[in-house]
Amino acid sequence: MIDFLIQFFGGISPELASALLASLPVTELRAALPIALLVFELDPFTAYFWTVFGNLIPILLVYLILPPLMMFALRYTPRLNRRLETFFDVLKTKHGDRYSKWGAFFLFLFVAMPLPGTGVWTGTVLAVVFRIKPTLAISYIVAGLLVAGLLVLAITQGVFRGGTFL
């Protein structure tokens, strides 16, 4: 896998490669930051900056694409609309209680946990599904991203670098 990443991103700078990895829903910051540190050998500050920057891109993409896609599906493609509704119903069922308890602050808690499936992509989709005001949602998502980045950085530096945090 590491050889594949080095070969795939061989023609671009390690900083841009780190940002691109962080913008993908499969890797996000949780995988991109350790890769930036351990594979691309970026210093901790540079790796943190570029992976956070790259992980901000999905917020814009989800807010620009998901609401119009939902309207399009509702009007023109019943099959896609059913699939989207099923997906959103699963999200509401899975996270509805926590959203009811914590409100929009739930987005911060959700994104700040550096676990698979709790990143910016899912957090932004949850914000759209629960119809949280975008300015409020984005502020909580970004704050959660910054905390998650620091946690991943600390874990990566502590585990793989013998505690040399910065």
N, C-alpha and C. Protein backbone atom coordinates (compact mmCIF):
# COMPACT_ATOMS: atom_id res chain seq x y z
N MET A 1 0.83 -1.20 0.00
CA MET A 1 0.00 0.00 0.00
C MET A 1 0.87 1.25 0.00
N ILE A 2 1.91 1.26 0.82
CA ILE A 2 2.78 2.43 0.90
C ILE A 2 3.49 2.64 -0.43
N ASP A 3 3.94 1.55 -1.05
CA ASP A 3 4.59 1.67 -2.36
C ASP A 3 3.62 2.22 -3.39
N PHE A 4 2.36 1.78 -3.33
CA PHE A 4 1.35 2.28 -4.25
C PHE A 4 1.16 3.78 -4.08
N LEU A 5 1.07 4.25 -2.83
CA LEU A 5 0.89 5.68 -2.57
C LEU A 5 2.07 6.49 -3.09
N ILE A 6 3.26 6.01 -2.83
CA ILE A 6 4.45 6.74 -3.28
C ILE A 6 4.46 6.80 -4.81
N GLN A 7 4.13 5.71 -5.46
CA GLN A 7 4.11 5.68 -6.91
C GLN A 7 2.98 6.54 -7.47
N PHE A 8 1.78 6.44 -6.88
CA PHE A 8 0.62 7.17 -7.37
C PHE A 8 0.83 8.68 -7.26
N PHE A 9 1.39 9.12 -6.14
CA PHE A 9 1.59 10.55 -5.91
C PHE A 9 3.02 11.00 -6.25
N GLY A 10 3.75 10.16 -6.97
CA GLY A 10 5.14 10.45 -7.27
C GLY A 10 5.38 11.75 -8.03
N GLY A 11 4.43 12.17 -8.84
CA GLY A 11 4.63 13.36 -9.66
C GLY A 11 4.23 14.67 -9.01
N ILE A 12 3.69 14.62 -7.82
CA ILE A 12 3.26 15.87 -7.16
C ILE A 12 3.97 16.02 -5.82
N SER A 13 3.88 17.20 -5.28
CA SER A 13 4.57 17.47 -4.02
C SER A 13 3.94 16.67 -2.88
N PRO A 14 4.71 16.34 -1.87
CA PRO A 14 4.16 15.62 -0.71
C PRO A 14 3.06 16.42 -0.01
N GLU A 15 3.17 17.74 -0.01
CA GLU A 15 2.14 18.58 0.63
C GLU A 15 0.81 18.44 -0.09
N LEU A 16 0.84 18.55 -1.43
CA LEU A 16 -0.39 18.43 -2.21
C LEU A 16 -0.94 17.01 -2.11
N ALA A 17 -0.08 16.03 -2.15
CA ALA A 17 -0.52 14.63 -2.01
C ALA A 17 -1.21 14.42 -0.67
N SER A 18 -0.68 15.01 0.38
CA SER A 18 -1.29 14.89 1.71
C SER A 18 -2.66 15.54 1.75
N ALA A 19 -2.78 16.73 1.13
CA ALA A 19 -4.07 17.42 1.09
C ALA A 19 -5.08 16.62 0.28
N LEU A 20 -4.67 16.06 -0.84
CA LEU A 20 -5.58 15.26 -1.66
C LEU A 20 -6.05 14.01 -0.91
N LEU A 21 -5.13 13.34 -0.25
CA LEU A 21 -5.51 12.17 0.55
C LEU A 21 -6.51 12.54 1.64
N ALA A 22 -6.29 13.68 2.27
CA ALA A 22 -7.18 14.12 3.35
C ALA A 22 -8.57 14.49 2.83
N SER A 23 -8.67 14.83 1.55
CA SER A 23 -9.97 15.23 1.01
C SER A 23 -10.82 14.03 0.58
N LEU A 24 -10.23 12.85 0.52
CA LEU A 24 -10.97 11.66 0.10
C LEU A 24 -11.77 11.07 1.27
N PRO A 25 -12.99 10.59 0.99
CA PRO A 25 -13.80 10.04 2.09
C PRO A 25 -13.23 8.76 2.70
N VAL A 26 -12.42 8.04 1.97
CA VAL A 26 -11.87 6.78 2.49
C VAL A 26 -10.72 7.04 3.46
N THR A 27 -9.91 8.05 3.19
CA THR A 27 -8.73 8.29 4.03
C THR A 27 -8.95 9.43 5.02
N GLU A 28 -9.47 10.55 4.55
CA GLU A 28 -9.62 11.76 5.37
C GLU A 28 -8.34 12.04 6.15
N LEU A 29 -8.43 12.87 7.14
CA LEU A 29 -7.27 13.26 7.94
C LEU A 29 -6.74 12.08 8.76
N ARG A 30 -7.61 11.19 9.16
CA ARG A 30 -7.22 10.10 10.06
C ARG A 30 -6.16 9.19 9.45
N ALA A 31 -6.17 9.01 8.15
CA ALA A 31 -5.13 8.22 7.48
C ALA A 31 -4.10 9.11 6.80
N ALA A 32 -4.54 10.26 6.30
CA ALA A 32 -3.63 11.14 5.55
C ALA A 32 -2.53 11.72 6.42
N LEU A 33 -2.83 12.06 7.66
CA LEU A 33 -1.82 12.66 8.54
C LEU A 33 -0.70 11.66 8.87
N PRO A 34 -1.00 10.44 9.28
CA PRO A 34 0.10 9.48 9.48
C PRO A 34 0.89 9.21 8.20
N ILE A 35 0.21 9.16 7.07
CA ILE A 35 0.91 8.95 5.80
C ILE A 35 1.82 10.13 5.50
N ALA A 36 1.33 11.35 5.74
CA ALA A 36 2.15 12.55 5.50
C ALA A 36 3.40 12.53 6.37
N LEU A 37 3.25 12.08 7.60
CA LEU A 37 4.39 12.04 8.53
C LEU A 37 5.35 10.89 8.24
N LEU A 38 4.79 9.71 8.03
CA LEU A 38 5.62 8.50 7.98
C LEU A 38 6.06 8.11 6.57
N VAL A 39 5.22 8.39 5.57
CA VAL A 39 5.56 8.01 4.19
C VAL A 39 6.20 9.18 3.45
N PHE A 40 5.53 10.35 3.50
CA PHE A 40 6.06 11.52 2.80
C PHE A 40 7.11 12.26 3.63
N GLU A 41 7.24 11.88 4.89
CA GLU A 41 8.24 12.43 5.81
C GLU A 41 8.17 13.95 5.95
N LEU A 42 6.95 14.47 6.01
CA LEU A 42 6.77 15.90 6.28
C LEU A 42 6.96 16.15 7.77
N ASP A 43 7.35 17.38 8.11
CA ASP A 43 7.46 17.71 9.53
C ASP A 43 6.05 17.82 10.11
N PRO A 44 5.88 17.68 11.41
CA PRO A 44 4.54 17.65 12.02
C PRO A 44 3.67 18.86 11.69
N PHE A 45 4.23 20.07 11.75
CA PHE A 45 3.42 21.26 11.47
C PHE A 45 2.93 21.26 10.02
N THR A 46 3.83 20.98 9.08
CA THR A 46 3.46 20.97 7.66
C THR A 46 2.43 19.89 7.38
N ALA A 47 2.64 18.70 7.93
CA ALA A 47 1.70 17.60 7.73
C ALA A 47 0.32 17.96 8.29
N TYR A 48 0.29 18.53 9.49
CA TYR A 48 -0.98 18.93 10.12
C TYR A 48 -1.68 19.98 9.26
N PHE A 49 -0.95 21.00 8.85
CA PHE A 49 -1.54 22.09 8.06
C PHE A 49 -2.17 21.55 6.77
N TRP A 50 -1.41 20.78 5.99
CA TRP A 50 -1.90 20.34 4.69
C TRP A 50 -3.02 19.31 4.80
N THR A 51 -2.99 18.47 5.79
CA THR A 51 -4.07 17.49 5.93
C THR A 51 -5.35 18.15 6.45
N VAL A 52 -5.22 19.12 7.33
CA VAL A 52 -6.41 19.87 7.77
C VAL A 52 -6.98 20.65 6.59
N PHE A 53 -6.10 21.32 5.85
CA PHE A 53 -6.55 22.07 4.67
C PHE A 53 -7.28 21.15 3.69
N GLY A 54 -6.71 20.00 3.39
CA GLY A 54 -7.34 19.07 2.47
C GLY A 54 -8.66 18.53 2.99
N ASN A 55 -8.77 18.35 4.29
CA ASN A 55 -9.99 17.82 4.87
C ASN A 55 -11.09 18.86 5.00
N LEU A 56 -10.78 20.13 4.73
CA LEU A 56 -11.80 21.17 4.69
C LEU A 56 -12.58 21.15 3.36
N ILE A 57 -11.97 20.63 2.32
CA ILE A 57 -12.59 20.62 0.99
C ILE A 57 -13.94 19.89 0.98
N PRO A 58 -14.08 18.73 1.64
CA PRO A 58 -15.37 18.04 1.63
C PRO A 58 -16.53 18.85 2.20
N ILE A 59 -16.25 19.74 3.12
CA ILE A 59 -17.34 20.56 3.67
C ILE A 59 -18.00 21.34 2.55
N LEU A 60 -17.18 21.99 1.75
CA LEU A 60 -17.69 22.76 0.62
C LEU A 60 -18.38 21.85 -0.39
N LEU A 61 -17.77 20.73 -0.71
CA LEU A 61 -18.36 19.81 -1.69
C LEU A 61 -19.72 19.30 -1.24
N VAL A 62 -19.82 18.88 0.01
CA VAL A 62 -21.09 18.33 0.50
C VAL A 62 -22.17 19.40 0.49
N TYR A 63 -21.85 20.61 0.95
CA TYR A 63 -22.85 21.67 0.98
C TYR A 63 -23.24 22.15 -0.41
N LEU A 64 -22.34 22.06 -1.37
CA LEU A 64 -22.67 22.48 -2.74
C LEU A 64 -23.39 21.40 -3.53
N ILE A 65 -23.09 20.14 -3.26
CA ILE A 65 -23.61 19.05 -4.08
C ILE A 65 -24.81 18.33 -3.47
N LEU A 66 -24.79 18.06 -2.18
CA LEU A 66 -25.83 17.22 -1.59
C LEU A 66 -27.24 17.82 -1.64
N PRO A 67 -27.47 19.07 -1.21
CA PRO A 67 -28.84 19.60 -1.29
C PRO A 67 -29.41 19.62 -2.71
N PRO A 68 -28.65 20.09 -3.73
CA PRO A 68 -29.21 20.02 -5.09
C PRO A 68 -29.43 18.59 -5.57
N LEU A 69 -28.55 17.66 -5.17
CA LEU A 69 -28.73 16.26 -5.54
C LEU A 69 -30.01 15.71 -4.91
N MET A 70 -30.28 16.09 -3.68
CA MET A 70 -31.49 15.64 -3.01
C MET A 70 -32.74 16.16 -3.74
N MET A 71 -32.71 17.42 -4.15
CA MET A 71 -33.85 17.99 -4.88
C MET A 71 -34.01 17.33 -6.25
N PHE A 72 -32.91 17.11 -6.94
CA PHE A 72 -32.94 16.44 -8.24
C PHE A 72 -33.52 15.04 -8.10
N ALA A 73 -33.05 14.30 -7.12
CA ALA A 73 -33.52 12.93 -6.90
C ALA A 73 -35.00 12.91 -6.57
N LEU A 74 -35.43 13.86 -5.77
CA LEU A 74 -36.84 13.93 -5.39
C LEU A 74 -37.73 14.14 -6.62
N ARG A 75 -37.27 14.98 -7.54
CA ARG A 75 -38.09 15.32 -8.71
C ARG A 75 -37.98 14.32 -9.85
N TYR A 76 -36.79 13.80 -10.12
CA TYR A 76 -36.57 13.10 -11.38
C TYR A 76 -36.16 11.64 -11.27
N THR A 77 -35.64 11.21 -10.16
CA THR A 77 -35.15 9.83 -10.07
C THR A 77 -35.63 9.17 -8.79
N PRO A 78 -36.79 8.55 -8.85
CA PRO A 78 -37.35 7.92 -7.64
C PRO A 78 -36.42 6.88 -7.01
N ARG A 79 -35.71 6.11 -7.84
CA ARG A 79 -34.82 5.08 -7.30
C ARG A 79 -33.69 5.71 -6.48
N LEU A 80 -33.04 6.74 -7.02
CA LEU A 80 -31.99 7.44 -6.28
C LEU A 80 -32.56 8.10 -5.04
N ASN A 81 -33.75 8.66 -5.16
CA ASN A 81 -34.39 9.30 -4.01
C ASN A 81 -34.64 8.29 -2.89
N ARG A 82 -35.10 7.09 -3.24
CA ARG A 82 -35.32 6.04 -2.22
C ARG A 82 -34.01 5.65 -1.54
N ARG A 83 -32.96 5.52 -2.33
CA ARG A 83 -31.65 5.16 -1.75
C ARG A 83 -31.14 6.25 -0.82
N LEU A 84 -31.27 7.50 -1.25
CA LEU A 84 -30.84 8.61 -0.39
C LEU A 84 -31.67 8.66 0.89
N GLU A 85 -32.98 8.49 0.76
CA GLU A 85 -33.84 8.52 1.94
C GLU A 85 -33.49 7.38 2.90
N THR A 86 -33.21 6.20 2.37
CA THR A 86 -32.81 5.07 3.21
C THR A 86 -31.51 5.38 3.94
N PHE A 87 -30.53 5.92 3.21
CA PHE A 87 -29.25 6.29 3.81
C PHE A 87 -29.45 7.33 4.90
N PHE A 88 -30.27 8.35 4.63
CA PHE A 88 -30.50 9.41 5.62
C PHE A 88 -31.28 8.89 6.81
N ASP A 89 -32.22 7.98 6.57
CA ASP A 89 -32.96 7.38 7.69
C ASP A 89 -32.04 6.58 8.60
N VAL A 90 -31.08 5.87 8.02
CA VAL A 90 -30.10 5.12 8.82
C VAL A 90 -29.29 6.09 9.67
N LEU A 91 -28.85 7.19 9.06
CA LEU A 91 -28.08 8.19 9.82
C LEU A 91 -28.91 8.80 10.94
N LYS A 92 -30.17 9.13 10.64
CA LYS A 92 -31.04 9.72 11.66
C LYS A 92 -31.27 8.74 12.81
N THR A 93 -31.50 7.47 12.48
CA THR A 93 -31.71 6.46 13.52
C THR A 93 -30.46 6.27 14.36
N LYS A 94 -29.32 6.20 13.69
CA LYS A 94 -28.06 5.93 14.39
C LYS A 94 -27.61 7.11 15.26
N HIS A 95 -27.83 8.34 14.80
CA HIS A 95 -27.29 9.50 15.49
C HIS A 95 -28.34 10.46 16.04
N GLY A 96 -29.60 10.16 15.83
CA GLY A 96 -30.67 11.07 16.25
C GLY A 96 -30.71 11.34 17.74
N ASP A 97 -30.51 10.31 18.55
CA ASP A 97 -30.55 10.50 20.01
C ASP A 97 -29.45 11.44 20.47
N ARG A 98 -28.26 11.24 19.93
CA ARG A 98 -27.14 12.11 20.32
C ARG A 98 -27.36 13.54 19.85
N TYR A 99 -27.93 13.69 18.66
CA TYR A 99 -28.22 15.04 18.17
C TYR A 99 -29.29 15.69 19.05
N SER A 100 -30.31 14.91 19.44
CA SER A 100 -31.35 15.46 20.31
C SER A 100 -30.78 15.89 21.66
N LYS A 101 -29.82 15.14 22.16
CA LYS A 101 -29.23 15.44 23.47
C LYS A 101 -28.27 16.63 23.40
N TRP A 102 -27.40 16.66 22.39
CA TRP A 102 -26.32 17.65 22.35
C TRP A 102 -26.56 18.80 21.37
N GLY A 103 -27.53 18.68 20.48
CA GLY A 103 -27.73 19.72 19.48
C GLY A 103 -26.58 19.75 18.49
N ALA A 104 -26.32 20.93 17.95
CA ALA A 104 -25.26 21.07 16.95
C ALA A 104 -23.88 20.76 17.52
N PHE A 105 -23.70 20.87 18.85
CA PHE A 105 -22.42 20.54 19.47
C PHE A 105 -22.05 19.07 19.22
N PHE A 106 -23.07 18.26 18.94
CA PHE A 106 -22.83 16.86 18.59
C PHE A 106 -21.87 16.74 17.42
N LEU A 107 -21.95 17.68 16.45
CA LEU A 107 -21.05 17.64 15.30
C LEU A 107 -19.59 17.75 15.73
N PHE A 108 -19.32 18.64 16.69
CA PHE A 108 -17.96 18.78 17.21
C PHE A 108 -17.49 17.46 17.83
N LEU A 109 -18.32 16.89 18.71
CA LEU A 109 -17.95 15.64 19.38
C LEU A 109 -17.75 14.51 18.38
N PHE A 110 -18.61 14.46 17.39
CA PHE A 110 -18.56 13.41 16.38
C PHE A 110 -17.28 13.50 15.54
N VAL A 111 -16.98 14.68 15.02
CA VAL A 111 -15.82 14.85 14.14
C VAL A 111 -14.51 14.80 14.93
N ALA A 112 -14.52 15.23 16.18
CA ALA A 112 -13.29 15.26 16.98
C ALA A 112 -12.79 13.87 17.35
N MET A 113 -13.66 12.86 17.34
CA MET A 113 -13.24 11.49 17.65
C MET A 113 -12.46 10.94 16.47
N PRO A 114 -11.20 10.63 16.63
CA PRO A 114 -10.43 10.12 15.49
C PRO A 114 -10.67 8.63 15.24
N LEU A 115 -11.90 8.31 14.88
CA LEU A 115 -12.28 6.93 14.59
C LEU A 115 -12.76 6.83 13.15
N PRO A 116 -12.67 5.67 12.54
CA PRO A 116 -13.18 5.52 11.17
C PRO A 116 -14.68 5.84 11.11
N GLY A 117 -15.07 6.58 10.10
CA GLY A 117 -16.47 6.91 9.90
C GLY A 117 -16.97 8.11 10.67
N THR A 118 -16.10 8.79 11.40
CA THR A 118 -16.54 9.95 12.19
C THR A 118 -15.87 11.23 11.70
N GLY A 119 -15.58 11.31 10.44
CA GLY A 119 -14.84 12.45 9.92
C GLY A 119 -15.72 13.56 9.38
N VAL A 120 -15.08 14.42 8.62
CA VAL A 120 -15.72 15.61 8.07
C VAL A 120 -16.81 15.25 7.06
N TRP A 121 -16.56 14.25 6.23
CA TRP A 121 -17.58 13.86 5.25
C TRP A 121 -18.89 13.49 5.94
N THR A 122 -18.83 12.56 6.88
CA THR A 122 -20.04 12.11 7.57
C THR A 122 -20.62 13.22 8.44
N GLY A 123 -19.76 13.99 9.10
CA GLY A 123 -20.24 15.10 9.92
C GLY A 123 -21.00 16.13 9.11
N THR A 124 -20.52 16.43 7.92
CA THR A 124 -21.20 17.42 7.07
C THR A 124 -22.50 16.85 6.53
N VAL A 125 -22.51 15.57 6.17
CA VAL A 125 -23.76 14.94 5.73
C VAL A 125 -24.78 14.97 6.87
N LEU A 126 -24.34 14.69 8.10
CA LEU A 126 -25.25 14.76 9.25
C LEU A 126 -25.80 16.17 9.43
N ALA A 127 -24.96 17.17 9.22
CA ALA A 127 -25.42 18.56 9.35
C ALA A 127 -26.52 18.86 8.34
N VAL A 128 -26.37 18.34 7.12
CA VAL A 128 -27.40 18.54 6.09
C VAL A 128 -28.66 17.76 6.46
N VAL A 129 -28.50 16.52 6.89
CA VAL A 129 -29.64 15.66 7.23
C VAL A 129 -30.44 16.25 8.39
N PHE A 130 -29.75 16.76 9.42
CA PHE A 130 -30.43 17.33 10.58
C PHE A 130 -30.78 18.81 10.38
N ARG A 131 -30.47 19.33 9.20
CA ARG A 131 -30.80 20.72 8.83
C ARG A 131 -30.26 21.73 9.83
N ILE A 132 -29.00 21.55 10.17
CA ILE A 132 -28.32 22.48 11.06
C ILE A 132 -27.85 23.66 10.24
N LYS A 133 -28.04 24.85 10.76
CA LYS A 133 -27.64 26.06 10.05
C LYS A 133 -26.17 25.93 9.61
N PRO A 134 -25.88 26.14 8.32
CA PRO A 134 -24.51 25.91 7.81
C PRO A 134 -23.41 26.64 8.58
N THR A 135 -23.61 27.89 8.94
CA THR A 135 -22.53 28.60 9.64
C THR A 135 -22.24 27.96 11.00
N LEU A 136 -23.27 27.55 11.69
CA LEU A 136 -23.09 26.88 12.98
C LEU A 136 -22.44 25.50 12.78
N ALA A 137 -22.96 24.76 11.83
CA ALA A 137 -22.43 23.42 11.57
C ALA A 137 -20.96 23.47 11.16
N ILE A 138 -20.62 24.37 10.27
CA ILE A 138 -19.24 24.46 9.79
C ILE A 138 -18.30 24.82 10.93
N SER A 139 -18.72 25.71 11.81
CA SER A 139 -17.83 26.08 12.92
C SER A 139 -17.58 24.88 13.84
N TYR A 140 -18.60 24.09 14.12
CA TYR A 140 -18.40 22.89 14.96
C TYR A 140 -17.59 21.82 14.23
N ILE A 141 -17.84 21.65 12.95
CA ILE A 141 -17.10 20.64 12.18
C ILE A 141 -15.62 21.00 12.10
N VAL A 142 -15.32 22.27 11.82
CA VAL A 142 -13.92 22.70 11.73
C VAL A 142 -13.23 22.56 13.09
N ALA A 143 -13.91 22.94 14.16
CA ALA A 143 -13.32 22.79 15.50
C ALA A 143 -13.04 21.32 15.79
N GLY A 144 -13.98 20.45 15.44
CA GLY A 144 -13.77 19.01 15.63
C GLY A 144 -12.62 18.48 14.79
N LEU A 145 -12.50 18.99 13.57
CA LEU A 145 -11.40 18.59 12.70
C LEU A 145 -10.05 18.98 13.29
N LEU A 146 -9.96 20.19 13.83
CA LEU A 146 -8.70 20.65 14.43
C LEU A 146 -8.31 19.77 15.61
N VAL A 147 -9.28 19.43 16.44
CA VAL A 147 -9.01 18.56 17.60
C VAL A 147 -8.63 17.16 17.13
N ALA A 148 -9.37 16.61 16.18
CA ALA A 148 -9.04 15.28 15.66
C ALA A 148 -7.64 15.25 15.08
N GLY A 149 -7.28 16.32 14.37
CA GLY A 149 -5.93 16.40 13.81
C GLY A 149 -4.86 16.39 14.88
N LEU A 150 -5.09 17.13 15.95
CA LEU A 150 -4.11 17.14 17.05
C LEU A 150 -4.02 15.77 17.72
N LEU A 151 -5.15 15.10 17.88
CA LEU A 151 -5.14 13.77 18.48
C LEU A 151 -4.40 12.76 17.60
N VAL A 152 -4.69 12.79 16.29
CA VAL A 152 -4.01 11.88 15.37
C VAL A 152 -2.52 12.19 15.33
N LEU A 153 -2.17 13.46 15.34
CA LEU A 153 -0.76 13.86 15.36
C LEU A 153 -0.06 13.34 16.61
N ALA A 154 -0.69 13.54 17.76
CA ALA A 154 -0.10 13.08 19.02
C ALA A 154 0.05 11.56 19.04
N ILE A 155 -0.98 10.86 18.58
CA ILE A 155 -0.92 9.39 18.56
C ILE A 155 0.17 8.92 17.60
N THR A 156 0.20 9.50 16.41
CA THR A 156 1.20 9.10 15.42
C THR A 156 2.61 9.38 15.91
N GLN A 157 2.82 10.55 16.46
CA GLN A 157 4.16 10.91 16.94
C GLN A 157 4.54 10.08 18.17
N GLY A 158 3.58 9.81 19.02
CA GLY A 158 3.88 9.03 20.22
C GLY A 158 4.13 7.57 19.94
N VAL A 159 3.33 6.98 19.07
CA VAL A 159 3.44 5.56 18.80
C VAL A 159 4.59 5.25 17.84
N PHE A 160 4.67 6.01 16.75
CA PHE A 160 5.63 5.67 15.70
C PHE A 160 6.96 6.41 15.80
N ARG A 161 7.00 7.46 16.59
CA ARG A 161 8.22 8.24 16.67
C ARG A 161 8.79 8.28 18.08
N GLY A 162 8.31 7.45 18.93
CA GLY A 162 8.85 7.36 20.28
C GLY A 162 8.62 8.58 21.14
N GLY A 163 7.51 9.28 20.92
CA GLY A 163 7.16 10.40 21.78
C GLY A 163 7.72 11.75 21.37
N THR A 164 8.30 11.87 20.19
CA THR A 164 8.79 13.18 19.74
C THR A 164 7.62 13.93 19.11
N PHE A 165 6.85 14.59 19.94
CA PHE A 165 5.59 15.16 19.48
C PHE A 165 5.74 16.32 18.52
N LEU A 166 6.63 17.20 18.71
CA LEU A 166 6.81 18.31 17.78
C LEU A 166 8.27 18.57 17.66
